[in-house]
Each structure stands twice: as structure tokens, then as C-alpha cells.
Amino acid sequence: MNFAGKWMELENITLSEVTQTQKDRHGMYSLRMSTFSDIVQDNHAKIHRLKEAKTRGHKRKMLDSHSEGKIK
């Protein structure tokens, strides 16, 4: 194989390695972002459940105090 052919082969290998590195990095960032997104969504759901539980508890206390004839 002549010099130009070897040079083209070397360029293709180098380009392939660079492309693979970029794919690996993109995959890591995608994984990090999806993990971060999952954490945010989980925390949002937990906060929502806690707020609902607090509201139900407050309503229950109000109903109990009214049924006992006490108003707080």
C-alpha cells in the first residue's frame, strides 16, 4: 500500500477513536442527566406526598375538633 493509502487508513482509525470517545462522553452525560432528572422527580413526588399527608392530617384535626365541639 502506498503512503497516501496508509495515511487515509490512519486518519480513519483516528477519526473512529475520536468519534467513539465523543459517544462515550455523550453517553456519560446522558446517564448523569437522566439520573439527576430521576432524583429531582423522586424528590418532587416525595414533597408532594408529604404536603398531601400534612393537609389530610390538618383536615382530620379540624374535623375531630368540630365533632368534639371544640374549635381551635
C-alpha atoms as a PDB file:
ATOM      1  CA  MET A   1       0.000   0.000   0.000  1.00  0.00           C
ATOM      2  CA  ASN A   2       1.335   3.440  -0.843  1.00  0.00           C
ATOM      3  CA  PHE A   3       1.872   6.357   1.523  1.00  0.00           C
ATOM      4  CA  ALA A   4      -1.472   8.035   0.706  1.00  0.00           C
ATOM      5  CA  GLY A   5      -3.368   4.796   1.359  1.00  0.00           C
ATOM      6  CA  LYS A   6      -1.642   4.285   4.734  1.00  0.00           C
ATOM      7  CA  TRP A   7      -2.292   7.928   5.640  1.00  0.00           C
ATOM      8  CA  MET A   8      -6.018   7.560   4.852  1.00  0.00           C
ATOM      9  CA  GLU A   9      -6.180   4.370   6.924  1.00  0.00           C
ATOM     10  CA  LEU A  10      -4.504   6.163   9.848  1.00  0.00           C
ATOM     11  CA  GLU A  11      -6.953   9.090   9.528  1.00  0.00           C
ATOM     12  CA  ASN A  12      -9.917   6.697   9.547  1.00  0.00           C
ATOM     13  CA  ILE A  13      -8.638   4.957  12.695  1.00  0.00           C
ATOM     14  CA  THR A  14      -8.025   8.287  14.436  1.00  0.00           C
ATOM     15  CA  LEU A  15     -11.458   9.617  13.435  1.00  0.00           C
ATOM     16  CA  SER A  16     -13.060   6.390  14.638  1.00  0.00           C
ATOM     17  CA  GLU A  17     -11.340   6.690  18.034  1.00  0.00           C
ATOM     18  CA  VAL A  18     -12.351  10.357  18.396  1.00  0.00           C
ATOM     19  CA  THR A  19     -15.945   9.517  17.462  1.00  0.00           C
ATOM     20  CA  GLN A  20     -16.013   6.678  19.998  1.00  0.00           C
ATOM     21  CA  THR A  21     -14.646   8.993  22.705  1.00  0.00           C
ATOM     22  CA  GLN A  22     -17.379  11.531  21.937  1.00  0.00           C
ATOM     23  CA  LYS A  23     -20.018   8.792  22.063  1.00  0.00           C
ATOM     24  CA  ASP A  24     -18.671   7.631  25.426  1.00  0.00           C
ATOM     25  CA  ARG A  25     -18.736  11.177  26.811  1.00  0.00           C
ATOM     26  CA  HIS A  26     -22.211  11.832  25.475  1.00  0.00           C
ATOM     27  CA  GLY A  27     -23.381   8.563  26.993  1.00  0.00           C
ATOM     28  CA  MET A  28     -21.944   9.534  30.380  1.00  0.00           C
ATOM     29  CA  TYR A  29     -23.581  12.976  30.258  1.00  0.00           C
ATOM     30  CA  SER A  30     -26.877  11.460  29.179  1.00  0.00           C
ATOM     31  CA  LEU A  31     -26.692   8.970  32.036  1.00  0.00           C
ATOM     32  CA  ARG A  32     -25.814  11.733  34.503  1.00  0.00           C
ATOM     33  CA  MET A  33     -28.652  13.955  33.285  1.00  0.00           C
ATOM     34  CA  SER A  34     -31.197  11.145  33.360  1.00  0.00           C
ATOM     35  CA  THR A  35     -30.048  10.169  36.857  1.00  0.00           C
ATOM     36  CA  PHE A  36     -30.275  13.803  38.004  1.00  0.00           C
ATOM     37  CA  SER A  37     -33.700  14.116  36.412  1.00  0.00           C
ATOM     38  CA  ASP A  38     -34.872  10.942  38.170  1.00  0.00           C
ATOM     39  CA  ILE A  39     -33.639  12.282  41.522  1.00  0.00           C
ATOM     40  CA  VAL A  40     -35.438  15.599  41.003  1.00  0.00           C
ATOM     41  CA  GLN A  41     -38.670  13.834  40.036  1.00  0.00           C
ATOM     42  CA  ASP A  42     -38.427  11.473  43.018  1.00  0.00           C
ATOM     43  CA  ASN A  43     -37.858  14.376  45.400  1.00  0.00           C
ATOM     44  CA  HIS A  44     -40.739  16.309  43.874  1.00  0.00           C
ATOM     45  CA  ALA A  45     -43.030  13.308  44.344  1.00  0.00           C
ATOM     46  CA  LYS A  46     -41.906  12.894  47.977  1.00  0.00           C
ATOM     47  CA  ILE A  47     -42.540  16.570  48.711  1.00  0.00           C
ATOM     48  CA  HIS A  48     -45.974  16.336  47.106  1.00  0.00           C
ATOM     49  CA  ARG A  49     -46.858  13.255  49.187  1.00  0.00           C
ATOM     50  CA  LEU A  50     -45.666  14.963  52.386  1.00  0.00           C
ATOM     51  CA  LYS A  51     -47.744  18.053  51.627  1.00  0.00           C
ATOM     52  CA  GLU A  52     -50.811  15.897  50.960  1.00  0.00           C
ATOM     53  CA  ALA A  53     -50.280  13.972  54.206  1.00  0.00           C
ATOM     54  CA  LYS A  54     -49.880  17.214  56.140  1.00  0.00           C
ATOM     55  CA  THR A  55     -53.075  18.602  54.582  1.00  0.00           C
ATOM     56  CA  ARG A  56     -55.001  15.406  55.385  1.00  0.00           C
ATOM     57  CA  GLY A  57     -53.707  15.498  58.973  1.00  0.00           C
ATOM     58  CA  HIS A  58     -54.740  19.132  59.358  1.00  0.00           C
ATOM     59  CA  LYS A  59     -58.210  18.424  57.932  1.00  0.00           C
ATOM     60  CA  ARG A  60     -58.580  15.414  60.235  1.00  0.00           C
ATOM     61  CA  LYS A  61     -57.679  17.540  63.280  1.00  0.00           C
ATOM     62  CA  MET A  62     -60.221  20.160  62.226  1.00  0.00           C
ATOM     63  CA  LEU A  63     -62.938  17.507  61.837  1.00  0.00           C
ATOM     64  CA  ASP A  64     -62.066  15.937  65.192  1.00  0.00           C
ATOM     65  CA  SER A  65     -62.158  19.298  66.980  1.00  0.00           C
ATOM     66  CA  HIS A  66     -65.534  20.144  65.408  1.00  0.00           C
ATOM     67  CA  SER A  67     -67.030  16.774  66.316  1.00  0.00           C
ATOM     68  CA  GLU A  68     -65.919  17.240  69.936  1.00  0.00           C
ATOM     69  CA  GLY A  69     -67.455  20.704  69.985  1.00  0.00           C
ATOM     70  CA  LYS A  70     -64.085  22.382  70.223  1.00  0.00           C
ATOM     71  CA  ILE A  71     -62.904  24.884  67.706  1.00  0.00           C
ATOM     72  CA  LYS A  72     -59.180  25.521  67.554  1.00  0.00           C
END
